[in-house]
Amino acid sequence: MKILAISDVHGKKNPKLIDYLKENDDIPLVLIAGDITDFQITEFEPLSFVKEFIDELVEECDVDVIAIPGNCDPAGICNAIKESGPDEKPAFCLHNQLIAYENVVLLGYGGSNPTPFNTPGEIDDDKIYLHVYELLAEYDYIGNDSAPRVTILLTHAPPYDTKADLIPSGDHVGSQGVKKPIHEFQPSINICGHIHEACCIDKVGTTTIANPGTLENNHAVLIDVHEDATYDIEIVDL
């Protein structure tokens, strides 16, 4: 099974995404790692963009969409995600949730640690840690070892002190609240976003960290999950 992950849409459609999904019609699932909207640059009410964007993905490409909020998404974003997509194929908001999708377990937590910009979706790092820890601990408790699965932690904030949270000044600005539970539970993959210029694949222990950067810059992360719960992962150009 193939999964395409994008992040940081910021209220801007990219027709290359639709073209890519149509050309690669064996991708059933799209993950969105937050910042679908942008409260600063969207002229109209930001949440109105969410349904329009997701509906087009689902209807044009016949994919499932699972998304989380980012720090730039305003209050009401989870409801906007859940109200998107046609009735027979609604989008799912994964924030503070875990679900199974074929032989993958998806766990999600949106928002980001505090930034200098006073954005609406900022969360104290201790709170991020508590919630991400509880999600990973819940799966660790209920998981069935006899049924191998790939675990994907979908966060908007990247883990601290990785290539995925590196800004041009050389500073690391990611979340300790994301990194610590990754160290403790070692999910297979962490898909993140938030830091636009940090498009990369990195590692924290055995966990693969992947930040696709902004959709506007024509990158996405492609995950190919095999039946034996091994996987391949790469940054792709749209």
Protein backbone atom coordinates (compact mmCIF):
# COMPACT_ATOMS: atom_id res chain seq x y z
CA MET A 1 0.00 0.00 0.00
CA LYS A 2 1.24 3.46 -0.90
CA ILE A 3 0.64 6.60 1.14
CA LEU A 4 1.38 10.18 0.06
CA ALA A 5 2.05 12.77 2.77
CA ILE A 6 1.98 16.54 2.31
CA SER A 7 2.17 19.49 4.68
CA ASP A 8 1.86 23.26 4.94
CA VAL A 9 -0.66 23.95 2.21
CA HIS A 10 -1.31 27.46 3.60
CA GLY A 11 -4.44 28.09 1.57
CA LYS A 12 -2.75 27.52 -1.80
CA LYS A 13 -3.75 24.76 -4.19
CA ASN A 14 -1.04 23.11 -6.26
CA PRO A 15 -2.34 21.45 -9.44
CA LYS A 16 0.79 19.29 -9.52
CA LEU A 17 -0.58 17.37 -6.53
CA ILE A 18 -3.73 16.37 -8.44
CA ASP A 19 -1.65 15.50 -11.50
CA TYR A 20 0.70 13.34 -9.44
CA LEU A 21 -2.13 11.41 -7.80
CA LYS A 22 -3.84 10.84 -11.15
CA GLU A 23 -0.60 9.59 -12.70
CA ASN A 24 0.05 7.37 -9.67
CA ASP A 25 -3.43 5.98 -9.18
CA ASP A 26 -2.25 3.18 -6.86
CA ILE A 27 -2.10 5.61 -3.89
CA PRO A 28 -5.26 5.19 -1.78
CA LEU A 29 -4.38 7.49 1.13
CA VAL A 30 -3.19 11.09 1.50
CA LEU A 31 -1.94 12.42 4.84
CA ILE A 32 -1.89 16.16 5.55
CA ALA A 33 0.46 17.21 8.36
CA GLY A 34 -1.23 20.52 9.21
CA ASP A 35 -1.43 24.16 8.17
CA ILE A 36 -4.07 23.56 5.52
CA THR A 37 -5.11 27.20 5.96
CA ASP A 38 -3.22 30.36 6.75
CA PHE A 39 -4.88 32.95 8.95
CA GLN A 40 -2.42 35.63 7.82
CA ILE A 41 -2.63 35.39 4.02
CA THR A 42 -6.12 34.05 3.28
CA GLU A 43 -8.33 36.89 2.18
CA PHE A 44 -11.61 35.20 3.10
CA GLU A 45 -12.60 33.13 6.12
CA PRO A 46 -9.73 30.61 6.26
CA LEU A 47 -11.77 27.50 7.04
CA SER A 48 -13.75 27.85 3.80
CA PHE A 49 -10.66 26.63 1.94
CA VAL A 50 -10.49 23.29 3.78
CA LYS A 51 -13.55 21.61 2.25
CA GLU A 52 -12.75 22.96 -1.21
CA PHE A 53 -9.20 21.60 -1.05
CA ILE A 54 -10.04 18.18 0.38
CA ASP A 55 -13.15 17.68 -1.76
CA GLU A 56 -11.10 18.18 -4.91
CA LEU A 57 -8.50 15.63 -3.75
CA VAL A 58 -11.11 13.00 -2.95
CA GLU A 59 -13.35 13.54 -5.97
CA GLU A 60 -10.61 13.97 -8.59
CA CYS A 61 -8.22 11.29 -7.28
CA ASP A 62 -10.44 8.83 -5.36
CA VAL A 63 -8.25 8.90 -2.25
CA ASP A 64 -8.92 8.82 1.47
CA VAL A 65 -7.72 11.91 3.33
CA ILE A 66 -6.50 11.95 6.93
CA ALA A 67 -5.33 15.29 8.33
CA ILE A 68 -4.27 17.11 11.47
CA PRO A 69 -4.26 20.84 12.32
CA GLY A 70 -1.17 23.01 12.23
CA ASN A 71 -0.25 26.04 14.27
CA CYS A 72 -1.63 28.41 11.61
CA ASP A 73 -5.02 26.69 11.42
CA PRO A 74 -7.71 28.52 13.42
CA ALA A 75 -10.25 27.12 15.88
CA GLY A 76 -12.77 24.89 14.14
CA ILE A 77 -10.20 23.24 11.88
CA CYS A 78 -10.99 19.68 13.05
CA ASN A 79 -14.69 20.16 12.32
CA ALA A 80 -13.81 21.61 8.91
CA ILE A 81 -11.70 18.53 8.13
CA LYS A 82 -14.44 16.14 9.27
CA GLU A 83 -17.05 17.97 7.19
CA SER A 84 -14.91 17.62 4.05
CA GLY A 85 -15.09 14.93 1.42
CA PRO A 86 -18.25 13.34 0.01
CA ASP A 87 -20.60 11.45 2.33
CA GLU A 88 -19.29 8.08 1.15
CA LYS A 89 -15.62 9.09 1.63
CA PRO A 90 -15.36 11.71 4.40
CA ALA A 91 -12.02 13.05 5.56
CA PHE A 92 -10.80 12.12 9.04
CA CYS A 93 -9.21 14.44 11.59
CA LEU A 94 -6.48 12.43 13.35
CA HIS A 95 -5.69 15.00 16.04
CA ASN A 96 -5.20 13.17 19.35
CA GLN A 97 -6.54 9.97 17.77
CA LEU A 98 -5.25 6.62 16.59
CA ILE A 99 -6.76 4.42 13.88
CA ALA A 100 -5.83 1.37 11.83
CA TYR A 101 -5.68 1.55 8.03
CA GLU A 102 -4.91 -1.83 6.47
CA ASN A 103 -1.57 -2.88 8.03
CA VAL A 104 -0.74 0.63 9.24
CA VAL A 105 -1.56 2.24 12.58
CA LEU A 106 -1.86 6.02 12.35
CA LEU A 107 -1.49 8.26 15.41
CA GLY A 108 -1.83 12.02 15.18
CA TYR A 109 -1.23 15.21 17.09
CA GLY A 110 -1.56 18.67 15.55
CA GLY A 111 -0.47 22.17 16.46
CA SER A 112 3.06 23.16 17.39
CA ASN A 113 5.23 24.16 20.30
CA PRO A 114 5.27 27.97 20.90
CA THR A 115 6.66 30.20 18.13
CA PRO A 116 7.59 33.91 17.99
CA PHE A 117 4.53 34.58 15.82
CA ASN A 118 1.63 34.05 18.25
CA THR A 119 -0.23 31.69 15.93
CA PRO A 120 -3.56 30.17 16.99
CA GLY A 121 -2.50 26.52 17.21
CA GLU A 122 0.44 26.76 19.62
CA ILE A 123 0.59 24.29 22.50
CA ASP A 124 2.89 24.06 25.49
CA ASP A 125 5.58 21.44 24.88
CA ASP A 126 4.77 19.63 28.13
CA LYS A 127 1.18 19.19 26.96
CA ILE A 128 2.33 17.94 23.55
CA TYR A 129 4.54 15.40 25.32
CA LEU A 130 1.73 14.18 27.56
CA HIS A 131 -0.72 13.64 24.70
CA VAL A 132 1.74 12.10 22.24
CA TYR A 133 3.06 9.83 24.99
CA GLU A 134 -0.48 8.70 25.83
CA LEU A 135 -1.26 7.93 22.17
CA LEU A 136 1.87 5.87 21.71
CA ALA A 137 1.42 4.16 25.10
CA GLU A 138 -2.17 3.25 24.22
CA TYR A 139 -1.08 1.50 21.06
CA ASP A 140 1.85 -0.11 22.88
CA TYR A 141 -0.68 -1.56 25.34
CA ILE A 142 -3.31 -2.77 22.87
CA GLY A 143 -1.05 -3.62 19.92
CA ASN A 144 -1.05 -7.19 18.65
CA ASP A 145 2.52 -8.40 18.16
CA SER A 146 1.36 -11.30 16.01
CA ALA A 147 -0.02 -8.87 13.40
CA PRO A 148 2.94 -6.79 12.17
CA ARG A 149 2.05 -3.18 11.44
CA VAL A 150 3.82 -0.01 10.43
CA THR A 151 3.18 2.76 12.98
CA ILE A 152 3.02 6.29 11.58
CA LEU A 153 2.99 9.23 13.98
CA LEU A 154 1.58 12.26 12.14
CA THR A 155 2.56 15.55 13.80
CA HIS A 156 2.74 19.11 12.61
CA ALA A 157 5.71 19.99 14.79
CA PRO A 158 8.95 18.20 13.96
CA PRO A 159 10.99 16.54 16.69
CA TYR A 160 13.62 18.80 18.23
CA ASP A 161 17.27 18.70 17.10
CA THR A 162 16.79 16.90 13.79
CA LYS A 163 17.18 17.91 10.16
CA ALA A 164 13.39 18.36 10.10
CA ASP A 165 13.41 21.31 12.54
CA LEU A 166 16.49 23.16 11.28
CA ILE A 167 15.99 26.78 10.19
CA PRO A 168 18.47 28.77 8.02
CA SER A 169 20.08 30.42 11.06
CA GLY A 170 21.25 26.99 12.17
CA ASP A 171 18.86 26.88 15.13
CA HIS A 172 16.68 23.89 15.93
CA VAL A 173 13.11 24.97 16.70
CA GLY A 174 11.17 21.73 16.88
CA SER A 175 9.30 20.11 19.72
CA GLN A 176 10.82 18.24 22.65
CA GLY A 177 7.27 17.06 23.31
CA VAL A 178 7.33 15.19 20.00
CA LYS A 179 10.91 13.95 20.26
CA LYS A 180 10.80 12.44 23.76
CA PRO A 181 7.95 9.97 23.15
CA ILE A 182 9.52 9.01 19.82
CA HIS A 183 12.65 8.06 21.78
CA GLU A 184 10.54 6.12 24.26
CA PHE A 185 8.31 4.15 21.87
CA GLN A 186 10.13 4.27 18.50
CA PRO A 187 7.20 4.32 16.06
CA SER A 188 8.18 3.28 12.55
CA ILE A 189 7.74 6.73 10.98
CA ASN A 190 7.08 10.31 12.04
CA ILE A 191 5.61 12.51 9.31
CA CYS A 192 5.86 16.18 10.30
CA GLY A 193 5.90 19.65 8.75
CA HIS A 194 5.95 23.22 10.12
CA ILE A 195 9.51 24.12 9.12
CA HIS A 196 9.09 24.92 5.44
CA GLU A 197 12.75 24.88 4.45
CA ALA A 198 13.54 21.60 6.26
CA CYS A 199 12.30 19.14 3.64
CA CYS A 200 14.21 15.99 4.56
CA ILE A 201 14.36 12.43 5.77
CA ASP A 202 16.20 11.82 9.05
CA LYS A 203 16.27 9.35 11.94
CA VAL A 204 15.61 9.42 15.69
CA GLY A 205 16.80 6.04 16.85
CA THR A 206 15.00 3.54 14.62
CA THR A 207 12.19 6.00 13.76
CA THR A 208 12.29 7.56 10.30
CA ILE A 209 11.50 11.30 10.41
CA ALA A 210 10.14 12.82 7.18
CA ASN A 211 9.23 16.46 6.54
CA PRO A 212 7.85 17.11 3.03
CA GLY A 213 8.18 20.90 3.32
CA THR A 214 5.49 23.12 1.84
CA LEU A 215 3.10 21.92 -0.86
CA GLU A 216 3.93 25.09 -2.80
CA ASN A 217 7.51 23.83 -3.25
CA ASN A 218 6.27 20.70 -5.02
CA HIS A 219 7.47 18.05 -2.58
CA ALA A 220 5.70 15.19 -0.82
CA VAL A 221 6.67 12.07 1.09
CA LEU A 222 5.83 8.71 -0.48
CA ILE A 223 5.59 5.67 1.79
CA ASP A 224 5.31 2.20 0.31
CA VAL A 225 4.15 -0.24 3.00
CA HIS A 226 4.66 -3.92 2.21
CA GLU A 227 2.57 -6.87 3.41
CA ASP A 228 5.23 -7.91 5.92
CA ALA A 229 5.11 -4.40 7.50
CA THR A 230 8.44 -3.32 6.05
CA TYR A 231 8.38 -0.05 4.16
CA ASP A 232 10.22 2.23 1.74
CA ILE A 233 10.07 6.00 2.14
CA GLU A 234 11.30 8.85 -0.02
CA ILE A 235 10.82 12.53 -0.83
CA VAL A 236 9.16 12.83 -4.25
CA ASP A 237 8.82 15.76 -6.64
CA LEU A 238 5.26 16.50 -7.71
